[in-house]
C-alpha cells in the first residue's frame, strides 16, 4: 500500500511521456514555455509600462507622475522644443556615419580573412577581432578619453607640429570612438557572409571572362550585401542607444542622454515618450533589413 502513490505518479508520468512523444509541436511549446513567459513578463511587460508612462501626466505642484491620468503633453513637449529634434538628428547622423565607417573598414578585413588568409592565419585574425570584446566597454571608453583629452597622448604627438589636440568637446570624437567600439560587430557578419560564398561561383565568373573587379562588383558584393546589412543592425542600434561615449569624449547630448536627464529630474513621461523615438527607428530599420535578407546572415 505504501508504494501505491509512487506507482500512480510514475504511471501518470509514463502516460504523459507517451502522449508527448509523437507530438513534436507540443514538445517545442513545452520547451519554450519558460523563456517565452520570461520574455513576455520582463521584456514586453517593461515596454508596455514604458509606453503607458509616456501618456501619464505629471503633477505641476508635486512633480509626481499621476498614473492613469492620460495626456499627450509629453509628446507635445518633444515636438515643440527644438532641442529634442536637434539631439535626435545628431544621434541618427552619428549612427549612420559610424555604420558607414565600420562597413568600409570591415569589408576588406573580412574579405582577407574569408577569401585570402590561410586557415592558421584566419584563426589568429578571428581571435584578434574578438580580443577587443573581452575588454570592458568603460575601460575602452576611458582609454580613448585619455588619448583625446587636451593634455593626452594625441596632443603630445601633434604638439611638435603646432597642431592642437582635439580635446573632449568635439563631436567627431564620438564618431571615432563608436566606430572603434562596434567595428568587430561589423567584421564578423561580413566574414561569415563572405565565407559562405561558393568558390564555384567565382570560378564560373572567371571562366566567363570576368575580371577580378567585375567579379567583385557583380558577384561578391551582391552576395555579401545582406551580411553588411546584418552587421549594420548592430553598429546602428548600438550607436543609436549609446549615451556614455558622447558624454565622456565629446561633451555632446545624444538621445540616451536626454532620456537619462529627464529620468533623473523625475520627468518620466517625457523620458518615456522620447524613448519611443529610437524604438520606432529600429523597428523601421529592422523591417528594411529583413527585406534585404539580413536576418539570414545573422
C-alpha atoms as a PDB file:
ATOM      1  CA  UNK A   1       0.000   0.000   0.000  1.00  0.00           C
ATOM      2  CA  UNK A   2       2.880   2.385   0.760  1.00  0.00           C
ATOM      3  CA  UNK A   3       4.148   2.160  -2.798  1.00  0.00           C
ATOM      4  CA  UNK A   4       0.796   2.920  -4.472  1.00  0.00           C
ATOM      5  CA  UNK A   5       1.193   6.768  -4.651  1.00  0.00           C
ATOM      6  CA  UNK A   6       4.635   6.387  -6.224  1.00  0.00           C
ATOM      7  CA  UNK A   7       3.274   3.868  -8.722  1.00  0.00           C
ATOM      8  CA  UNK A   8       0.368   6.187  -9.593  1.00  0.00           C
ATOM      9  CA  UNK A   9       2.752   9.134 -10.059  1.00  0.00           C
ATOM     10  CA  UNK A  10       5.021   7.020 -12.231  1.00  0.00           C
ATOM     11  CA  UNK A  11       2.116   5.764 -14.342  1.00  0.00           C
ATOM     12  CA  UNK A  12       0.899   9.328 -14.873  1.00  0.00           C
ATOM     13  CA  UNK A  13       4.408  10.361 -15.902  1.00  0.00           C
ATOM     14  CA  UNK A  14       4.592   7.476 -18.351  1.00  0.00           C
ATOM     15  CA  UNK A  15       1.187   8.273 -19.819  1.00  0.00           C
ATOM     16  CA  UNK A  16       2.200  11.917 -20.246  1.00  0.00           C
ATOM     17  CA  UNK A  17       5.503  10.851 -21.854  1.00  0.00           C
ATOM     18  CA  UNK A  18       3.667   8.501 -24.261  1.00  0.00           C
ATOM     19  CA  UNK A  19       1.227  11.292 -25.125  1.00  0.00           C
ATOM     20  CA  UNK A  20       4.042  13.816 -25.642  1.00  0.00           C
ATOM     21  CA  UNK A  21       6.444  11.601 -27.620  1.00  0.00           C
ATOM     22  CA  UNK A  22       4.724  11.729 -31.056  1.00  0.00           C
ATOM     23  CA  UNK A  23       3.686  15.380 -30.685  1.00  0.00           C
ATOM     24  CA  UNK A  24       6.719  17.386 -31.784  1.00  0.00           C
ATOM     25  CA  UNK A  25       4.908  20.704 -31.704  1.00  0.00           C
ATOM     26  CA  UNK A  26       3.800  20.142 -28.099  1.00  0.00           C
ATOM     27  CA  UNK A  27       7.393  19.301 -27.159  1.00  0.00           C
ATOM     28  CA  UNK A  28       8.562  22.561 -28.746  1.00  0.00           C
ATOM     29  CA  UNK A  29       5.976  24.649 -26.900  1.00  0.00           C
ATOM     30  CA  UNK A  30       6.773  22.910 -23.614  1.00  0.00           C
ATOM     31  CA  UNK A  31      10.462  23.625 -24.142  1.00  0.00           C
ATOM     32  CA  UNK A  32       9.838  27.291 -24.965  1.00  0.00           C
ATOM     33  CA  UNK A  33       7.175  27.944 -22.330  1.00  0.00           C
ATOM     34  CA  UNK A  34       9.533  29.173 -19.595  1.00  0.00           C
ATOM     35  CA  UNK A  35      11.693  31.504 -21.755  1.00  0.00           C
ATOM     36  CA  UNK A  36       8.614  32.870 -23.554  1.00  0.00           C
ATOM     37  CA  UNK A  37       6.955  33.561 -20.213  1.00  0.00           C
ATOM     38  CA  UNK A  38      10.094  35.333 -19.019  1.00  0.00           C
ATOM     39  CA  UNK A  39      10.305  37.446 -22.186  1.00  0.00           C
ATOM     40  CA  UNK A  40       6.609  38.250 -22.026  1.00  0.00           C
ATOM     41  CA  UNK A  41       6.661  39.370 -18.402  1.00  0.00           C
ATOM     42  CA  UNK A  42      10.054  41.067 -18.145  1.00  0.00           C
ATOM     43  CA  UNK A  43      10.817  42.385 -21.622  1.00  0.00           C
ATOM     44  CA  UNK A  44       7.431  43.034 -23.203  1.00  0.00           C
ATOM     45  CA  UNK A  45       5.935  43.969 -19.835  1.00  0.00           C
ATOM     46  CA  UNK A  46       8.553  46.661 -19.308  1.00  0.00           C
ATOM     47  CA  UNK A  47       7.901  48.021 -22.815  1.00  0.00           C
ATOM     48  CA  UNK A  48       4.179  48.232 -22.070  1.00  0.00           C
ATOM     49  CA  UNK A  49       4.877  50.119 -18.830  1.00  0.00           C
ATOM     50  CA  UNK A  50       7.229  52.420 -20.747  1.00  0.00           C
ATOM     51  CA  UNK A  51       4.507  53.112 -23.302  1.00  0.00           C
ATOM     52  CA  UNK A  52       1.957  53.826 -20.582  1.00  0.00           C
ATOM     53  CA  UNK A  53       4.345  56.217 -18.809  1.00  0.00           C
ATOM     54  CA  UNK A  54       4.536  58.309 -21.961  1.00  0.00           C
ATOM     55  CA  UNK A  55       0.805  59.047 -21.704  1.00  0.00           C
ATOM     56  CA  UNK A  56       0.660  59.741 -17.960  1.00  0.00           C
ATOM     57  CA  UNK A  57       0.517  63.274 -16.598  1.00  0.00           C
ATOM     58  CA  UNK A  58       2.951  64.891 -14.191  1.00  0.00           C
ATOM     59  CA  UNK A  59       1.590  66.969 -11.322  1.00  0.00           C
ATOM     60  CA  UNK A  60       2.772  70.552 -11.735  1.00  0.00           C
ATOM     61  CA  UNK A  61       2.996  71.182  -7.962  1.00  0.00           C
ATOM     62  CA  UNK A  62       4.344  67.922  -6.507  1.00  0.00           C
ATOM     63  CA  UNK A  63       6.300  66.808  -9.580  1.00  0.00           C
ATOM     64  CA  UNK A  64       4.942  63.290  -9.170  1.00  0.00           C
ATOM     65  CA  UNK A  65       3.606  61.210 -12.039  1.00  0.00           C
ATOM     66  CA  UNK A  66      -0.145  60.594 -11.861  1.00  0.00           C
ATOM     67  CA  UNK A  67      -0.850  57.113 -13.253  1.00  0.00           C
ATOM     68  CA  UNK A  68      -3.933  56.717 -15.446  1.00  0.00           C
ATOM     69  CA  UNK A  69      -4.242  60.487 -15.807  1.00  0.00           C
ATOM     70  CA  UNK A  70      -3.944  60.383 -19.578  1.00  0.00           C
ATOM     71  CA  UNK A  71      -2.415  63.218 -21.574  1.00  0.00           C
ATOM     72  CA  UNK A  72      -0.314  63.890 -24.678  1.00  0.00           C
ATOM     73  CA  UNK A  73       1.679  66.690 -23.023  1.00  0.00           C
ATOM     74  CA  UNK A  74       4.944  64.693 -23.094  1.00  0.00           C
ATOM     75  CA  UNK A  75       4.717  64.261 -26.860  1.00  0.00           C
ATOM     76  CA  UNK A  76       3.765  67.934 -27.251  1.00  0.00           C
ATOM     77  CA  UNK A  77       6.889  68.963 -25.301  1.00  0.00           C
ATOM     78  CA  UNK A  78       9.094  66.819 -27.519  1.00  0.00           C
ATOM     79  CA  UNK A  79       7.571  68.135 -30.740  1.00  0.00           C
ATOM     80  CA  UNK A  80       7.579  71.808 -29.740  1.00  0.00           C
ATOM     81  CA  UNK A  81      11.016  72.080 -28.110  1.00  0.00           C
ATOM     82  CA  UNK A  82      13.757  72.213 -30.783  1.00  0.00           C
ATOM     83  CA  UNK A  83      16.382  70.600 -28.561  1.00  0.00           C
ATOM     84  CA  UNK A  84      14.751  67.177 -28.918  1.00  0.00           C
ATOM     85  CA  UNK A  85      14.742  67.322 -32.727  1.00  0.00           C
ATOM     86  CA  UNK A  86      18.338  68.601 -32.790  1.00  0.00           C
ATOM     87  CA  UNK A  87      19.579  65.838 -30.491  1.00  0.00           C
ATOM     88  CA  UNK A  88      17.647  63.175 -32.416  1.00  0.00           C
ATOM     89  CA  UNK A  89      19.121  64.366 -35.716  1.00  0.00           C
ATOM     90  CA  UNK A  90      22.631  64.433 -34.228  1.00  0.00           C
ATOM     91  CA  UNK A  91      22.248  60.909 -32.853  1.00  0.00           C
ATOM     92  CA  UNK A  92      20.943  59.455 -36.112  1.00  0.00           C
ATOM     93  CA  UNK A  93      23.690  61.241 -38.080  1.00  0.00           C
ATOM     94  CA  UNK A  94      26.461  59.803 -35.897  1.00  0.00           C
ATOM     95  CA  UNK A  95      24.855  56.334 -36.004  1.00  0.00           C
ATOM     96  CA  UNK A  96      24.768  56.465 -39.814  1.00  0.00           C
ATOM     97  CA  UNK A  97      28.370  57.718 -40.026  1.00  0.00           C
ATOM     98  CA  UNK A  98      29.561  55.006 -37.641  1.00  0.00           C
ATOM     99  CA  UNK A  99      27.769  52.346 -39.678  1.00  0.00           C
ATOM    100  CA  UNK A 100      29.241  53.556 -42.989  1.00  0.00           C
ATOM    101  CA  UNK A 101      32.724  53.881 -41.474  1.00  0.00           C
ATOM    102  CA  UNK A 102      32.640  50.398 -39.962  1.00  0.00           C
ATOM    103  CA  UNK A 103      31.343  48.897 -43.219  1.00  0.00           C
ATOM    104  CA  UNK A 104      34.194  50.484 -45.198  1.00  0.00           C
ATOM    105  CA  UNK A 105      36.778  49.329 -42.667  1.00  0.00           C
ATOM    106  CA  UNK A 106      35.312  45.896 -42.034  1.00  0.00           C
ATOM    107  CA  UNK A 107      34.804  44.694 -45.602  1.00  0.00           C
ATOM    108  CA  UNK A 108      38.486  44.477 -46.663  1.00  0.00           C
ATOM    109  CA  UNK A 109      39.419  42.933 -43.315  1.00  0.00           C
ATOM    110  CA  UNK A 110      36.636  40.353 -43.563  1.00  0.00           C
ATOM    111  CA  UNK A 111      37.438  39.669 -47.223  1.00  0.00           C
ATOM    112  CA  UNK A 112      41.064  38.960 -46.398  1.00  0.00           C
ATOM    113  CA  UNK A 113      40.032  36.689 -43.526  1.00  0.00           C
ATOM    114  CA  UNK A 114      37.476  34.739 -45.555  1.00  0.00           C
ATOM    115  CA  UNK A 115      38.992  34.519 -49.044  1.00  0.00           C
ATOM    116  CA  UNK A 116      42.760  35.100 -48.831  1.00  0.00           C
ATOM    117  CA  UNK A 117      44.225  34.196 -45.420  1.00  0.00           C
ATOM    118  CA  UNK A 118      45.441  30.675 -44.706  1.00  0.00           C
ATOM    119  CA  UNK A 119      43.415  28.648 -42.177  1.00  0.00           C
ATOM    120  CA  UNK A 120      46.027  29.213 -39.476  1.00  0.00           C
ATOM    121  CA  UNK A 121      46.227  32.935 -40.078  1.00  0.00           C
ATOM    122  CA  UNK A 122      42.439  33.105 -40.344  1.00  0.00           C
ATOM    123  CA  UNK A 123      42.074  31.655 -36.851  1.00  0.00           C
ATOM    124  CA  UNK A 124      44.556  34.186 -35.484  1.00  0.00           C
ATOM    125  CA  UNK A 125      42.666  37.045 -37.151  1.00  0.00           C
ATOM    126  CA  UNK A 126      39.341  35.888 -35.731  1.00  0.00           C
ATOM    127  CA  UNK A 127      40.897  35.923 -32.259  1.00  0.00           C
ATOM    128  CA  UNK A 128      42.330  39.384 -32.955  1.00  0.00           C
ATOM    129  CA  UNK A 129      38.880  40.657 -33.941  1.00  0.00           C
ATOM    130  CA  UNK A 130      37.287  39.158 -30.836  1.00  0.00           C
ATOM    131  CA  UNK A 131      40.039  40.321 -28.489  1.00  0.00           C
ATOM    132  CA  UNK A 132      38.739  43.910 -28.034  1.00  0.00           C
ATOM    133  CA  UNK A 133      35.367  42.495 -26.981  1.00  0.00           C
ATOM    134  CA  UNK A 134      36.994  40.880 -23.947  1.00  0.00           C
ATOM    135  CA  UNK A 135      37.831  44.302 -22.515  1.00  0.00           C
ATOM    136  CA  UNK A 136      35.159  46.176 -20.603  1.00  0.00           C
ATOM    137  CA  UNK A 137      33.236  48.852 -22.503  1.00  0.00           C
ATOM    138  CA  UNK A 138      34.005  51.551 -19.921  1.00  0.00           C
ATOM    139  CA  UNK A 139      37.702  50.663 -19.846  1.00  0.00           C
ATOM    140  CA  UNK A 140      37.976  51.190 -23.598  1.00  0.00           C
ATOM    141  CA  UNK A 141      35.983  54.413 -23.434  1.00  0.00           C
ATOM    142  CA  UNK A 142      38.165  55.868 -20.678  1.00  0.00           C
ATOM    143  CA  UNK A 143      41.273  54.803 -22.614  1.00  0.00           C
ATOM    144  CA  UNK A 144      40.048  56.859 -25.572  1.00  0.00           C
ATOM    145  CA  UNK A 145      39.232  59.725 -23.214  1.00  0.00           C
ATOM    146  CA  UNK A 146      42.865  59.682 -22.073  1.00  0.00           C
ATOM    147  CA  UNK A 147      44.048  59.705 -25.688  1.00  0.00           C
ATOM    148  CA  UNK A 148      41.775  62.536 -26.827  1.00  0.00           C
ATOM    149  CA  UNK A 149      41.844  64.908 -23.871  1.00  0.00           C
ATOM    150  CA  UNK A 150      43.669  68.241 -24.080  1.00  0.00           C
ATOM    151  CA  UNK A 151      46.878  67.018 -22.448  1.00  0.00           C
ATOM    152  CA  UNK A 152      46.535  63.436 -23.666  1.00  0.00           C
ATOM    153  CA  UNK A 153      48.562  61.225 -25.956  1.00  0.00           C
ATOM    154  CA  UNK A 154      47.216  62.646 -29.215  1.00  0.00           C
ATOM    155  CA  UNK A 155      48.013  66.215 -28.154  1.00  0.00           C
ATOM    156  CA  UNK A 156      51.541  65.102 -27.228  1.00  0.00           C
ATOM    157  CA  UNK A 157      52.009  63.560 -30.700  1.00  0.00           C
ATOM    158  CA  UNK A 158      50.628  66.595 -32.550  1.00  0.00           C
ATOM    159  CA  UNK A 159      52.259  69.337 -30.449  1.00  0.00           C
ATOM    160  CA  UNK A 160      55.666  69.266 -32.284  1.00  0.00           C
ATOM    161  CA  UNK A 161      53.794  70.134 -35.500  1.00  0.00           C
ATOM    162  CA  UNK A 162      51.943  73.018 -33.880  1.00  0.00           C
ATOM    163  CA  UNK A 163      48.609  71.214 -34.141  1.00  0.00           C
ATOM    164  CA  UNK A 164      46.419  71.297 -31.027  1.00  0.00           C
ATOM    165  CA  UNK A 165      44.761  68.153 -29.752  1.00  0.00           C
ATOM    166  CA  UNK A 166      41.033  67.623 -30.270  1.00  0.00           C
ATOM    167  CA  UNK A 167      40.062  67.950 -26.605  1.00  0.00           C
ATOM    168  CA  UNK A 168      36.893  66.458 -25.164  1.00  0.00           C
ATOM    169  CA  UNK A 169      34.322  68.810 -26.646  1.00  0.00           C
ATOM    170  CA  UNK A 170      34.410  67.741 -30.308  1.00  0.00           C
ATOM    171  CA  UNK A 171      31.533  65.735 -31.810  1.00  0.00           C
ATOM    172  CA  UNK A 172      33.816  63.757 -34.187  1.00  0.00           C
ATOM    173  CA  UNK A 173      35.309  62.150 -31.073  1.00  0.00           C
ATOM    174  CA  UNK A 174      32.053  60.247 -30.597  1.00  0.00           C
ATOM    175  CA  UNK A 175      32.163  59.135 -34.233  1.00  0.00           C
ATOM    176  CA  UNK A 176      35.752  57.895 -33.827  1.00  0.00           C
ATOM    177  CA  UNK A 177      35.237  56.051 -30.530  1.00  0.00           C
ATOM    178  CA  UNK A 178      31.915  54.461 -31.505  1.00  0.00           C
ATOM    179  CA  UNK A 179      33.417  53.291 -34.809  1.00  0.00           C
ATOM    180  CA  UNK A 180      36.217  51.630 -32.856  1.00  0.00           C
ATOM    181  CA  UNK A 181      33.892  50.043 -30.305  1.00  0.00           C
ATOM    182  CA  UNK A 182      31.451  48.474 -32.765  1.00  0.00           C
ATOM    183  CA  UNK A 183      33.859  47.506 -35.575  1.00  0.00           C
ATOM    184  CA  UNK A 184      34.036  43.814 -34.528  1.00  0.00           C
ATOM    185  CA  UNK A 185      30.249  43.591 -34.751  1.00  0.00           C
ATOM    186  CA  UNK A 186      30.519  44.554 -38.426  1.00  0.00           C
ATOM    187  CA  UNK A 187      33.527  42.391 -39.271  1.00  0.00           C
ATOM    188  CA  UNK A 188      32.117  39.085 -38.023  1.00  0.00           C
ATOM    189  CA  UNK A 189      28.818  39.047 -40.003  1.00  0.00           C
ATOM    190  CA  UNK A 190      30.602  40.132 -43.194  1.00  0.00           C
ATOM    191  CA  UNK A 191      33.268  37.482 -42.636  1.00  0.00           C
ATOM    192  CA  UNK A 192      30.594  34.809 -42.201  1.00  0.00           C
ATOM    193  CA  UNK A 193      28.744  36.013 -45.315  1.00  0.00           C
ATOM    194  CA  UNK A 194      31.875  36.028 -47.469  1.00  0.00           C
ATOM    195  CA  UNK A 195      32.897  32.600 -46.218  1.00  0.00           C
ATOM    196  CA  UNK A 196      29.563  31.147 -47.365  1.00  0.00           C
ATOM    197  CA  UNK A 197      30.060  32.241 -50.990  1.00  0.00           C
ATOM    198  CA  UNK A 198      30.861  29.069 -53.007  1.00  0.00           C
ATOM    199  CA  UNK A 199      34.170  29.071 -54.833  1.00  0.00           C
ATOM    200  CA  UNK A 200      32.356  27.612 -57.827  1.00  0.00           C
ATOM    201  CA  UNK A 201      30.602  30.957 -58.423  1.00  0.00           C
ATOM    202  CA  UNK A 202      33.907  32.804 -58.545  1.00  0.00           C
ATOM    203  CA  UNK A 203      35.390  30.156 -60.852  1.00  0.00           C
ATOM    204  CA  UNK A 204      32.361  30.372 -63.124  1.00  0.00           C
ATOM    205  CA  UNK A 205      32.733  34.150 -63.287  1.00  0.00           C
ATOM    206  CA  UNK A 206      36.393  33.789 -64.218  1.00  0.00           C
ATOM    207  CA  UNK A 207      35.563  31.141 -66.851  1.00  0.00           C
ATOM    208  CA  UNK A 208      33.098  33.552 -68.440  1.00  0.00           C
ATOM    209  CA  UNK A 209      35.896  36.092 -68.849  1.00  0.00           C
ATOM    210  CA  UNK A 210      35.066  38.436 -65.984  1.00  0.00           C
ATOM    211  CA  UNK A 211      37.981  40.323 -64.480  1.00  0.00           C
ATOM    212  CA  UNK A 212      38.606  40.465 -60.732  1.00  0.00           C
ATOM    213  CA  UNK A 213      36.942  43.860 -60.382  1.00  0.00           C
ATOM    214  CA  UNK A 214      33.881  42.734 -62.313  1.00  0.00           C
ATOM    215  CA  UNK A 215      33.608  39.551 -60.254  1.00  0.00           C
ATOM    216  CA  UNK A 216      33.811  41.563 -57.068  1.00  0.00           C
ATOM    217  CA  UNK A 217      31.199  44.086 -58.237  1.00  0.00           C
ATOM    218  CA  UNK A 218      28.760  41.677 -59.897  1.00  0.00           C
ATOM    219  CA  UNK A 219      29.149  38.518 -57.765  1.00  0.00           C
ATOM    220  CA  UNK A 220      30.838  39.024 -54.397  1.00  0.00           C
ATOM    221  CA  UNK A 221      29.340  42.370 -53.390  1.00  0.00           C
ATOM    222  CA  UNK A 222      25.675  41.467 -54.101  1.00  0.00           C
ATOM    223  CA  UNK A 223      26.034  38.155 -52.252  1.00  0.00           C
ATOM    224  CA  UNK A 224      27.779  39.789 -49.295  1.00  0.00           C
ATOM    225  CA  UNK A 225      25.469  42.803 -49.077  1.00  0.00           C
ATOM    226  CA  UNK A 226      22.928  41.081 -46.750  1.00  0.00           C
ATOM    227  CA  UNK A 227      25.817  40.367 -44.365  1.00  0.00           C
ATOM    228  CA  UNK A 228      26.787  44.047 -44.452  1.00  0.00           C
ATOM    229  CA  UNK A 229      23.210  44.994 -43.609  1.00  0.00           C
ATOM    230  CA  UNK A 230      23.243  42.386 -40.802  1.00  0.00           C
ATOM    231  CA  UNK A 231      26.357  43.986 -39.321  1.00  0.00           C
ATOM    232  CA  UNK A 232      24.812  47.426 -39.671  1.00  0.00           C
ATOM    233  CA  UNK A 233      21.961  46.346 -37.392  1.00  0.00           C
ATOM    234  CA  UNK A 234      24.479  46.083 -34.554  1.00  0.00           C
ATOM    235  CA  UNK A 235      26.513  49.198 -35.314  1.00  0.00           C
ATOM    236  CA  UNK A 236      23.479  51.400 -35.952  1.00  0.00           C
ATOM    237  CA  UNK A 237      21.414  50.240 -32.966  1.00  0.00           C
ATOM    238  CA  UNK A 238      24.341  50.321 -30.533  1.00  0.00           C
ATOM    239  CA  UNK A 239      25.314  53.823 -31.657  1.00  0.00           C
ATOM    240  CA  UNK A 240      21.703  54.990 -31.534  1.00  0.00           C
ATOM    241  CA  UNK A 241      21.304  53.900 -27.919  1.00  0.00           C
ATOM    242  CA  UNK A 242      24.715  54.896 -26.575  1.00  0.00           C
ATOM    243  CA  UNK A 243      24.925  57.789 -24.148  1.00  0.00           C
ATOM    244  CA  UNK A 244      28.172  57.164 -22.250  1.00  0.00           C
ATOM    245  CA  UNK A 245      30.613  57.737 -25.126  1.00  0.00           C
ATOM    246  CA  UNK A 246      29.226  61.159 -26.172  1.00  0.00           C
ATOM    247  CA  UNK A 247      29.165  62.244 -22.546  1.00  0.00           C
ATOM    248  CA  UNK A 248      32.762  61.175 -21.820  1.00  0.00           C
ATOM    249  CA  UNK A 249      34.642  62.015 -25.028  1.00  0.00           C
ATOM    250  CA  UNK A 250      32.530  64.578 -26.915  1.00  0.00           C
ATOM    251  CA  UNK A 251      30.589  66.554 -24.310  1.00  0.00           C
ATOM    252  CA  UNK A 252      27.562  66.168 -26.575  1.00  0.00           C
ATOM    253  CA  UNK A 253      23.989  65.127 -25.946  1.00  0.00           C
ATOM    254  CA  UNK A 254      22.521  62.075 -27.635  1.00  0.00           C
ATOM    255  CA  UNK A 255      19.024  60.631 -27.314  1.00  0.00           C
ATOM    256  CA  UNK A 256      20.094  58.494 -24.364  1.00  0.00           C
ATOM    257  CA  UNK A 257      21.495  61.498 -22.529  1.00  0.00           C
ATOM    258  CA  UNK A 258      18.210  63.409 -22.726  1.00  0.00           C
ATOM    259  CA  UNK A 259      16.304  60.313 -21.613  1.00  0.00           C
ATOM    260  CA  UNK A 260      18.649  59.938 -18.641  1.00  0.00           C
ATOM    261  CA  UNK A 261      18.456  63.642 -17.765  1.00  0.00           C
ATOM    262  CA  UNK A 262      14.652  63.649 -17.812  1.00  0.00           C
ATOM    263  CA  UNK A 263      14.537  60.463 -15.736  1.00  0.00           C
ATOM    264  CA  UNK A 264      16.939  61.934 -13.176  1.00  0.00           C
ATOM    265  CA  UNK A 265      14.754  65.053 -12.927  1.00  0.00           C
ATOM    266  CA  UNK A 266      11.666  62.919 -12.372  1.00  0.00           C
ATOM    267  CA  UNK A 267      10.148  63.804 -15.724  1.00  0.00           C
ATOM    268  CA  UNK A 268       9.324  60.197 -16.557  1.00  0.00           C
ATOM    269  CA  UNK A 269       6.558  60.885 -19.125  1.00  0.00           C
ATOM    270  CA  UNK A 270       8.919  62.896 -21.355  1.00  0.00           C
ATOM    271  CA  UNK A 271      11.698  60.322 -20.881  1.00  0.00           C
ATOM    272  CA  UNK A 272       9.297  57.515 -21.816  1.00  0.00           C
ATOM    273  CA  UNK A 273       7.895  59.392 -24.806  1.00  0.00           C
ATOM    274  CA  UNK A 274      11.381  60.201 -26.101  1.00  0.00           C
ATOM    275  CA  UNK A 275      12.400  56.556 -25.628  1.00  0.00           C
ATOM    276  CA  UNK A 276       9.814  55.585 -28.213  1.00  0.00           C
ATOM    277  CA  UNK A 277      11.712  57.524 -30.879  1.00  0.00           C
ATOM    278  CA  UNK A 278      14.706  55.119 -31.168  1.00  0.00           C
ATOM    279  CA  UNK A 279      12.332  52.162 -30.817  1.00  0.00           C
ATOM    280  CA  UNK A 280      10.346  53.312 -33.852  1.00  0.00           C
ATOM    281  CA  UNK A 281      13.550  53.992 -35.800  1.00  0.00           C
ATOM    282  CA  UNK A 282      14.864  50.499 -35.078  1.00  0.00           C
ATOM    283  CA  UNK A 283      11.562  48.846 -35.972  1.00  0.00           C
ATOM    284  CA  UNK A 284      11.668  50.551 -39.370  1.00  0.00           C
ATOM    285  CA  UNK A 285      15.365  49.702 -39.749  1.00  0.00           C
ATOM    286  CA  UNK A 286      14.774  46.033 -38.891  1.00  0.00           C
ATOM    287  CA  UNK A 287      11.875  45.852 -41.344  1.00  0.00           C
ATOM    288  CA  UNK A 288      14.079  47.192 -44.154  1.00  0.00           C
ATOM    289  CA  UNK A 289      16.968  44.920 -43.104  1.00  0.00           C
ATOM    290  CA  UNK A 290      14.666  41.901 -43.185  1.00  0.00           C
ATOM    291  CA  UNK A 291      13.503  42.786 -46.692  1.00  0.00           C
ATOM    292  CA  UNK A 292      17.176  42.940 -47.743  1.00  0.00           C
ATOM    293  CA  UNK A 293      17.827  39.423 -46.396  1.00  0.00           C
ATOM    294  CA  UNK A 294      19.943  40.478 -43.423  1.00  0.00           C
ATOM    295  CA  UNK A 295      18.332  38.077 -40.958  1.00  0.00           C
ATOM    296  CA  UNK A 296      19.571  35.078 -42.952  1.00  0.00           C
ATOM    297  CA  UNK A 297      23.139  36.352 -42.439  1.00  0.00           C
ATOM    298  CA  UNK A 298      22.905  36.614 -38.647  1.00  0.00           C
END
